[in-house]
Amino acid sequence: MGKTRIKNKDWLHAHGTESSLSIGTKLPLKRAVMKRYLTGNIDDRVAVLVSGKPQIESPKLLGIPVIPDSTGVAQHRAIVDLLEDWGILKNVIGLCFHTTASNTGRLKSSATIIESTVGHSVLWLACRHHVYELHVKHVSDSIIGKRNSPSEALFVRFQKEWPNIDQDHTNLSLFDFDLDVELQNIAHSVVDWGTERLENETIPREDYRELLQLTVLFLGGSVYPFSFRKPG
């Protein structure tokens, strides 16, 4: 532990960020399930970064430690250990995270316990997009029912059967433009907006690009080149 802390301090000094971190940093957090390709084992991990412009030019990844489970307590312990290793525990002024129960619960969430450990008020920057994911989940639950496993059996089967599915997209069932005129206008505006975004390369992530391509195609727009991507 001591050697690790010294090495981390040396890195901060070499990159001129030690004094910046003493001013205050935001702490983006993200939990992920990762598969080890050599052993096939699956680890539950939490990614921890620090950021804070203009003192820190770009986010610094502190680590992606394995956690025994996805509870707030387990995430808190892994995150605090990293912050202590880097010597910046008391410098955290904000937390960025998904709005899951393990992150935002009133008593035992990771954000709540981290704030208590830090010893001062911390700004919570809850990721907004997760709210929309919950809306989609509610729609899914109402159609196919709630599930007890983290994965949906239908989607797992779809992924497995993907090589055997006809992936030709020349005769797809697209948006029905015989519907209400207001829906037609919305569809046309989405196609114009999406096409412009794709042409201008203003999309930060490939999964966003894929969703936008599918949306434009379904609404009758043109996407070139285009091919369906393997799910997952």
C-alpha atoms as a PDB file:
ATOM      1  CA  MET A   1       0.000   0.000   0.000  1.00  0.00           C
ATOM      2  CA  GLY A   2       2.768   2.451   0.909  1.00  0.00           C
ATOM      3  CA  LYS A   3       4.761   1.874  -2.296  1.00  0.00           C
ATOM      4  CA  THR A   4       1.610   2.268  -4.357  1.00  0.00           C
ATOM      5  CA  ARG A   5       0.822   5.591  -2.692  1.00  0.00           C
ATOM      6  CA  ILE A   6       4.363   6.868  -3.351  1.00  0.00           C
ATOM      7  CA  LYS A   7       4.183   5.851  -7.030  1.00  0.00           C
ATOM      8  CA  ASN A   8       0.815   7.557  -7.433  1.00  0.00           C
ATOM      9  CA  LYS A   9       2.100  10.716  -5.769  1.00  0.00           C
ATOM     10  CA  ASP A  10       5.096  10.654  -8.122  1.00  0.00           C
ATOM     11  CA  TRP A  11       2.725  10.439 -11.103  1.00  0.00           C
ATOM     12  CA  LEU A  12       0.713  13.422  -9.874  1.00  0.00           C
ATOM     13  CA  HIS A  13       3.877  15.458  -9.379  1.00  0.00           C
ATOM     14  CA  ALA A  14       5.313  14.518 -12.770  1.00  0.00           C
ATOM     15  CA  HIS A  15       2.107  15.480 -14.553  1.00  0.00           C
ATOM     16  CA  GLY A  16       1.639  18.687 -12.608  1.00  0.00           C
ATOM     17  CA  THR A  17      -1.719  17.666 -11.155  1.00  0.00           C
ATOM     18  CA  GLU A  18      -0.952  17.231  -7.475  1.00  0.00           C
ATOM     19  CA  SER A  19      -1.697  20.853  -6.647  1.00  0.00           C
ATOM     20  CA  SER A  20      -4.756  20.752  -8.898  1.00  0.00           C
ATOM     21  CA  LEU A  21      -6.169  17.755  -7.085  1.00  0.00           C
ATOM     22  CA  SER A  22      -5.747  19.572  -3.806  1.00  0.00           C
ATOM     23  CA  ILE A  23      -8.209  22.180  -5.101  1.00  0.00           C
ATOM     24  CA  GLY A  24     -11.002  19.670  -5.630  1.00  0.00           C
ATOM     25  CA  THR A  25     -11.996  17.005  -8.120  1.00  0.00           C
ATOM     26  CA  LYS A  26     -15.128  15.403  -9.512  1.00  0.00           C
ATOM     27  CA  LEU A  27     -15.236  11.635  -9.306  1.00  0.00           C
ATOM     28  CA  PRO A  28     -16.992   9.878 -12.219  1.00  0.00           C
ATOM     29  CA  LEU A  29     -17.945   6.306 -11.240  1.00  0.00           C
ATOM     30  CA  LYS A  30     -19.203   3.470 -13.406  1.00  0.00           C
ATOM     31  CA  ARG A  31     -19.827  -0.163 -12.547  1.00  0.00           C
ATOM     32  CA  ALA A  32     -19.227  -2.790 -15.223  1.00  0.00           C
ATOM     33  CA  VAL A  33     -19.234  -6.560 -15.606  1.00  0.00           C
ATOM     34  CA  MET A  34     -16.082  -7.653 -17.436  1.00  0.00           C
ATOM     35  CA  LYS A  35     -15.084 -11.036 -18.806  1.00  0.00           C
ATOM     36  CA  ARG A  36     -11.548 -12.362 -18.510  1.00  0.00           C
ATOM     37  CA  TYR A  37     -10.677 -13.708 -21.935  1.00  0.00           C
ATOM     38  CA  LEU A  38      -7.918 -16.015 -20.697  1.00  0.00           C
ATOM     39  CA  THR A  39      -9.955 -17.773 -18.009  1.00  0.00           C
ATOM     40  CA  GLY A  40     -13.515 -17.028 -19.064  1.00  0.00           C
ATOM     41  CA  ASN A  41     -14.339 -15.768 -15.559  1.00  0.00           C
ATOM     42  CA  ILE A  42     -16.610 -12.759 -15.183  1.00  0.00           C
ATOM     43  CA  ASP A  43     -15.658  -9.991 -12.751  1.00  0.00           C
ATOM     44  CA  ASP A  44     -17.824  -7.275 -11.275  1.00  0.00           C
ATOM     45  CA  ARG A  45     -15.741  -4.084 -11.359  1.00  0.00           C
ATOM     46  CA  VAL A  46     -16.105  -0.369 -10.755  1.00  0.00           C
ATOM     47  CA  ALA A  47     -14.263   2.199 -12.873  1.00  0.00           C
ATOM     48  CA  VAL A  48     -13.036   5.259 -10.973  1.00  0.00           C
ATOM     49  CA  LEU A  49     -11.832   8.451 -12.668  1.00  0.00           C
ATOM     50  CA  VAL A  50     -10.978  11.944 -11.470  1.00  0.00           C
ATOM     51  CA  SER A  51     -11.657  15.072 -13.478  1.00  0.00           C
ATOM     52  CA  GLY A  52     -11.794  18.817 -12.937  1.00  0.00           C
ATOM     53  CA  LYS A  53     -10.970  21.328 -15.674  1.00  0.00           C
ATOM     54  CA  PRO A  54      -9.098  23.584 -16.064  1.00  0.00           C
ATOM     55  CA  GLN A  55      -6.709  22.173 -13.467  1.00  0.00           C
ATOM     56  CA  ILE A  56      -6.949  18.628 -14.886  1.00  0.00           C
ATOM     57  CA  GLU A  57      -6.942  18.736 -18.679  1.00  0.00           C
ATOM     58  CA  SER A  58      -8.447  15.271 -19.200  1.00  0.00           C
ATOM     59  CA  PRO A  59      -9.945  12.643 -16.861  1.00  0.00           C
ATOM     60  CA  LYS A  60      -7.468  10.350 -15.114  1.00  0.00           C
ATOM     61  CA  LEU A  61      -8.409   6.708 -14.644  1.00  0.00           C
ATOM     62  CA  LEU A  62      -7.428   5.740 -11.106  1.00  0.00           C
ATOM     63  CA  GLY A  63      -8.312   2.074 -11.486  1.00  0.00           C
ATOM     64  CA  ILE A  64     -10.959  -0.556 -12.260  1.00  0.00           C
ATOM     65  CA  PRO A  65     -10.919  -2.721  -9.124  1.00  0.00           C
ATOM     66  CA  VAL A  66     -12.821  -5.984  -8.750  1.00  0.00           C
ATOM     67  CA  ILE A  67     -15.676  -5.859  -6.255  1.00  0.00           C
ATOM     68  CA  PRO A  68     -17.235  -8.911  -4.539  1.00  0.00           C
ATOM     69  CA  ASP A  69     -20.770  -7.789  -5.422  1.00  0.00           C
ATOM     70  CA  SER A  70     -22.659  -4.774  -6.748  1.00  0.00           C
ATOM     71  CA  THR A  71     -23.823  -3.411  -3.399  1.00  0.00           C
ATOM     72  CA  GLY A  72     -23.146   0.159  -2.401  1.00  0.00           C
ATOM     73  CA  VAL A  73     -20.987  -1.006   0.498  1.00  0.00           C
ATOM     74  CA  ALA A  74     -18.687  -3.025  -1.786  1.00  0.00           C
ATOM     75  CA  GLN A  75     -18.372  -0.184  -4.288  1.00  0.00           C
ATOM     76  CA  HIS A  76     -17.661   2.288  -1.482  1.00  0.00           C
ATOM     77  CA  ARG A  77     -14.831   0.193  -0.090  1.00  0.00           C
ATOM     78  CA  ALA A  78     -13.141  -0.220  -3.493  1.00  0.00           C
ATOM     79  CA  ILE A  79     -13.492   3.477  -4.352  1.00  0.00           C
ATOM     80  CA  VAL A  80     -12.263   4.748  -0.990  1.00  0.00           C
ATOM     81  CA  ASP A  81      -9.264   2.395  -1.114  1.00  0.00           C
ATOM     82  CA  LEU A  82      -8.278   3.879  -4.490  1.00  0.00           C
ATOM     83  CA  LEU A  83      -8.726   7.440  -3.289  1.00  0.00           C
ATOM     84  CA  GLU A  84      -6.584   6.740  -0.250  1.00  0.00           C
ATOM     85  CA  ASP A  85      -3.909   5.107  -2.434  1.00  0.00           C
ATOM     86  CA  TRP A  86      -3.776   8.277  -4.514  1.00  0.00           C
ATOM     87  CA  GLY A  87      -3.908  10.513  -1.448  1.00  0.00           C
ATOM     88  CA  ILE A  88      -6.942  12.513  -2.640  1.00  0.00           C
ATOM     89  CA  LEU A  89      -9.782  11.188  -0.488  1.00  0.00           C
ATOM     90  CA  LYS A  90     -10.479  14.547   1.182  1.00  0.00           C
ATOM     91  CA  ASN A  91     -10.264  16.441  -2.125  1.00  0.00           C
ATOM     92  CA  VAL A  92     -13.384  14.969  -3.718  1.00  0.00           C
ATOM     93  CA  ILE A  93     -16.063  17.624  -4.266  1.00  0.00           C
ATOM     94  CA  GLY A  94     -18.424  15.801  -6.648  1.00  0.00           C
ATOM     95  CA  LEU A  95     -19.597  12.309  -7.603  1.00  0.00           C
ATOM     96  CA  CYS A  96     -20.873  11.321 -11.053  1.00  0.00           C
ATOM     97  CA  PHE A  97     -22.823   8.039 -11.241  1.00  0.00           C
ATOM     98  CA  HIS A  98     -25.779   6.151 -12.662  1.00  0.00           C
ATOM     99  CA  THR A  99     -29.048   6.465 -10.767  1.00  0.00           C
ATOM    100  CA  THR A 100     -29.186   2.876  -9.514  1.00  0.00           C
ATOM    101  CA  ALA A 101     -30.310   1.925  -6.000  1.00  0.00           C
ATOM    102  CA  SER A 102     -26.795   0.813  -5.072  1.00  0.00           C
ATOM    103  CA  ASN A 103     -25.533   4.306  -5.922  1.00  0.00           C
ATOM    104  CA  THR A 104     -28.314   6.561  -4.664  1.00  0.00           C
ATOM    105  CA  GLY A 105     -30.062   4.768  -1.786  1.00  0.00           C
ATOM    106  CA  ARG A 106     -30.641   6.864   1.328  1.00  0.00           C
ATOM    107  CA  LEU A 107     -28.738   4.671   3.793  1.00  0.00           C
ATOM    108  CA  LYS A 108     -26.334   2.196   2.183  1.00  0.00           C
ATOM    109  CA  SER A 109     -25.655   3.541  -1.309  1.00  0.00           C
ATOM    110  CA  SER A 110     -22.070   4.064  -2.445  1.00  0.00           C
ATOM    111  CA  ALA A 111     -22.593   7.819  -2.878  1.00  0.00           C
ATOM    112  CA  THR A 112     -24.079   8.204   0.600  1.00  0.00           C
ATOM    113  CA  ILE A 113     -21.304   6.247   2.317  1.00  0.00           C
ATOM    114  CA  ILE A 114     -18.529   7.917   0.302  1.00  0.00           C
ATOM    115  CA  GLU A 115     -19.839  11.333   1.295  1.00  0.00           C
ATOM    116  CA  SER A 116     -19.860  10.227   4.934  1.00  0.00           C
ATOM    117  CA  THR A 117     -16.296   8.885   4.660  1.00  0.00           C
ATOM    118  CA  VAL A 118     -15.013  12.024   2.917  1.00  0.00           C
ATOM    119  CA  GLY A 119     -16.409  14.073   5.791  1.00  0.00           C
ATOM    120  CA  HIS A 120     -17.922  16.981   3.865  1.00  0.00           C
ATOM    121  CA  SER A 121     -20.825  17.660   1.527  1.00  0.00           C
ATOM    122  CA  VAL A 122     -20.314  16.349  -2.001  1.00  0.00           C
ATOM    123  CA  LEU A 123     -22.198  17.427  -5.132  1.00  0.00           C
ATOM    124  CA  TRP A 124     -24.100  14.517  -6.696  1.00  0.00           C
ATOM    125  CA  LEU A 125     -24.029  14.570 -10.508  1.00  0.00           C
ATOM    126  CA  ALA A 126     -26.437  11.747 -11.334  1.00  0.00           C
ATOM    127  CA  CYS A 127     -26.228  10.609 -14.971  1.00  0.00           C
ATOM    128  CA  ARG A 128     -29.377  11.819 -16.643  1.00  0.00           C
ATOM    129  CA  HIS A 129     -29.529   9.256 -19.441  1.00  0.00           C
ATOM    130  CA  HIS A 130     -30.133   6.429 -16.973  1.00  0.00           C
ATOM    131  CA  VAL A 131     -33.582   7.895 -16.278  1.00  0.00           C
ATOM    132  CA  TYR A 132     -34.571   7.179 -19.884  1.00  0.00           C
ATOM    133  CA  GLU A 133     -33.212   3.645 -19.591  1.00  0.00           C
ATOM    134  CA  LEU A 134     -35.608   3.124 -16.691  1.00  0.00           C
ATOM    135  CA  HIS A 135     -38.523   4.318 -18.848  1.00  0.00           C
ATOM    136  CA  VAL A 136     -37.605   1.728 -21.488  1.00  0.00           C
ATOM    137  CA  LYS A 137     -37.313  -0.923 -18.772  1.00  0.00           C
ATOM    138  CA  HIS A 138     -40.808  -0.111 -17.504  1.00  0.00           C
ATOM    139  CA  VAL A 139     -42.221  -0.511 -21.023  1.00  0.00           C
ATOM    140  CA  SER A 140     -40.393  -3.837 -21.390  1.00  0.00           C
ATOM    141  CA  ASP A 141     -41.679  -5.064 -18.024  1.00  0.00           C
ATOM    142  CA  SER A 142     -45.255  -4.205 -18.984  1.00  0.00           C
ATOM    143  CA  ILE A 143     -44.966  -6.161 -22.255  1.00  0.00           C
ATOM    144  CA  ILE A 144     -42.956  -9.266 -21.353  1.00  0.00           C
ATOM    145  CA  GLY A 145     -43.051  -9.126 -17.551  1.00  0.00           C
ATOM    146  CA  LYS A 146     -40.349  -8.624 -14.972  1.00  0.00           C
ATOM    147  CA  ARG A 147     -37.294 -10.869 -14.986  1.00  0.00           C
ATOM    148  CA  ASN A 148     -35.257 -12.270 -12.123  1.00  0.00           C
ATOM    149  CA  SER A 149     -31.935 -12.479 -13.968  1.00  0.00           C
ATOM    150  CA  PRO A 150     -29.686  -9.611 -15.135  1.00  0.00           C
ATOM    151  CA  SER A 151     -30.092 -10.716 -18.771  1.00  0.00           C
ATOM    152  CA  GLU A 152     -33.233 -11.189 -20.861  1.00  0.00           C
ATOM    153  CA  ALA A 153     -33.553 -14.731 -22.240  1.00  0.00           C
ATOM    154  CA  LEU A 154     -35.112 -13.488 -25.485  1.00  0.00           C
ATOM    155  CA  PHE A 155     -32.164 -11.175 -26.173  1.00  0.00           C
ATOM    156  CA  VAL A 156     -29.633 -13.885 -25.299  1.00  0.00           C
ATOM    157  CA  ARG A 157     -31.301 -16.241 -27.764  1.00  0.00           C
ATOM    158  CA  PHE A 158     -31.430 -13.479 -30.392  1.00  0.00           C
ATOM    159  CA  GLN A 159     -27.681 -12.910 -30.005  1.00  0.00           C
ATOM    160  CA  LYS A 160     -26.963 -16.636 -30.226  1.00  0.00           C
ATOM    161  CA  GLU A 161     -29.068 -17.079 -33.378  1.00  0.00           C
ATOM    162  CA  TRP A 162     -27.727 -13.956 -35.081  1.00  0.00           C
ATOM    163  CA  PRO A 163     -25.540 -15.822 -37.657  1.00  0.00           C
ATOM    164  CA  ASN A 164     -28.643 -17.732 -38.841  1.00  0.00           C
ATOM    165  CA  ILE A 165     -30.880 -14.660 -39.243  1.00  0.00           C
ATOM    166  CA  ASP A 166     -31.417 -13.012 -42.636  1.00  0.00           C
ATOM    167  CA  GLN A 167     -29.637  -9.665 -42.328  1.00  0.00           C
ATOM    168  CA  ASP A 168     -30.703  -8.221 -45.673  1.00  0.00           C
ATOM    169  CA  HIS A 169     -32.151  -4.755 -45.085  1.00  0.00           C
ATOM    170  CA  THR A 170     -33.534  -4.017 -48.558  1.00  0.00           C
ATOM    171  CA  ASN A 171     -37.116  -5.054 -47.740  1.00  0.00           C
ATOM    172  CA  LEU A 172     -37.521  -3.882 -44.162  1.00  0.00           C
ATOM    173  CA  SER A 173     -40.853  -2.843 -42.681  1.00  0.00           C
ATOM    174  CA  LEU A 174     -40.329   0.871 -42.170  1.00  0.00           C
ATOM    175  CA  PHE A 175     -42.253   3.708 -40.549  1.00  0.00           C
ATOM    176  CA  ASP A 176     -45.862   3.970 -41.735  1.00  0.00           C
ATOM    177  CA  PHE A 177     -46.182   7.440 -43.272  1.00  0.00           C
ATOM    178  CA  ASP A 178     -49.944   6.998 -43.681  1.00  0.00           C
ATOM    179  CA  LEU A 179     -50.275   7.815 -39.994  1.00  0.00           C
ATOM    180  CA  ASP A 180     -51.177  11.163 -38.458  1.00  0.00           C
ATOM    181  CA  VAL A 181     -49.728  14.216 -40.197  1.00  0.00           C
ATOM    182  CA  GLU A 182     -48.128  15.420 -36.951  1.00  0.00           C
ATOM    183  CA  LEU A 183     -46.258  12.109 -36.597  1.00  0.00           C
ATOM    184  CA  GLN A 184     -45.113  12.433 -40.202  1.00  0.00           C
ATOM    185  CA  ASN A 185     -43.694  15.891 -39.507  1.00  0.00           C
ATOM    186  CA  ILE A 186     -41.873  14.622 -36.415  1.00  0.00           C
ATOM    187  CA  ALA A 187     -40.462  11.687 -38.397  1.00  0.00           C
ATOM    188  CA  HIS A 188     -39.196  13.963 -41.174  1.00  0.00           C
ATOM    189  CA  SER A 189     -37.549  16.323 -38.665  1.00  0.00           C
ATOM    190  CA  VAL A 190     -35.840  13.406 -36.925  1.00  0.00           C
ATOM    191  CA  VAL A 191     -34.519  12.105 -40.264  1.00  0.00           C
ATOM    192  CA  ASP A 192     -33.152  15.556 -41.174  1.00  0.00           C
ATOM    193  CA  TRP A 193     -31.544  15.996 -37.754  1.00  0.00           C
ATOM    194  CA  GLY A 194     -30.125  12.454 -37.620  1.00  0.00           C
ATOM    195  CA  THR A 195     -28.743  12.610 -41.159  1.00  0.00           C
ATOM    196  CA  GLU A 196     -26.981  15.886 -40.366  1.00  0.00           C
ATOM    197  CA  ARG A 197     -25.443  14.408 -37.188  1.00  0.00           C
ATOM    198  CA  LEU A 198     -24.175  11.360 -39.096  1.00  0.00           C
ATOM    199  CA  GLU A 199     -22.729  13.447 -41.920  1.00  0.00           C
ATOM    200  CA  ASN A 200     -20.986  15.851 -39.543  1.00  0.00           C
ATOM    201  CA  GLU A 201     -19.491  13.054 -37.411  1.00  0.00           C
ATOM    202  CA  THR A 202     -20.675  14.661 -34.160  1.00  0.00           C
ATOM    203  CA  ILE A 203     -21.436  11.415 -32.329  1.00  0.00           C
ATOM    204  CA  PRO A 204     -19.091  10.609 -29.418  1.00  0.00           C
ATOM    205  CA  ARG A 205     -19.787   6.864 -29.146  1.00  0.00           C
ATOM    206  CA  GLU A 206     -20.306   4.009 -31.600  1.00  0.00           C
ATOM    207  CA  ASP A 207     -23.390   2.651 -29.804  1.00  0.00           C
ATOM    208  CA  TYR A 208     -24.991   6.106 -30.165  1.00  0.00           C
ATOM    209  CA  ARG A 209     -24.089   6.066 -33.868  1.00  0.00           C
ATOM    210  CA  GLU A 210     -25.620   2.621 -34.314  1.00  0.00           C
ATOM    211  CA  LEU A 211     -28.887   3.682 -32.653  1.00  0.00           C
ATOM    212  CA  LEU A 212     -29.059   6.835 -34.772  1.00  0.00           C
ATOM    213  CA  GLN A 213     -28.389   4.887 -37.979  1.00  0.00           C
ATOM    214  CA  LEU A 214     -31.195   2.442 -37.168  1.00  0.00           C
ATOM    215  CA  THR A 215     -33.556   5.310 -36.333  1.00  0.00           C
ATOM    216  CA  VAL A 216     -32.865   7.171 -39.588  1.00  0.00           C
ATOM    217  CA  LEU A 217     -33.215   3.968 -41.603  1.00  0.00           C
ATOM    218  CA  PHE A 218     -36.512   2.996 -39.937  1.00  0.00           C
ATOM    219  CA  LEU A 219     -37.947   6.461 -40.611  1.00  0.00           C
ATOM    220  CA  GLY A 220     -37.177   6.159 -44.321  1.00  0.00           C
ATOM    221  CA  GLY A 221     -33.855   7.972 -44.461  1.00  0.00           C
ATOM    222  CA  SER A 222     -30.693   6.812 -46.213  1.00  0.00           C
ATOM    223  CA  VAL A 223     -27.635   5.532 -44.363  1.00  0.00           C
ATOM    224  CA  TYR A 224     -24.556   4.632 -46.389  1.00  0.00           C
ATOM    225  CA  PRO A 225     -22.727   2.445 -45.868  1.00  0.00           C
ATOM    226  CA  PHE A 226     -24.998   0.416 -43.623  1.00  0.00           C
ATOM    227  CA  SER A 227     -25.094  -3.095 -42.220  1.00  0.00           C
ATOM    228  CA  PHE A 228     -26.679  -4.578 -39.136  1.00  0.00           C
ATOM    229  CA  ARG A 229     -24.223  -5.067 -36.301  1.00  0.00           C
ATOM    230  CA  LYS A 230     -24.085  -8.218 -34.232  1.00  0.00           C
ATOM    231  CA  PRO A 231     -26.057  -7.620 -31.013  1.00  0.00           C
ATOM    232  CA  GLY A 232     -24.014  -7.328 -27.839  1.00  0.00           C
END
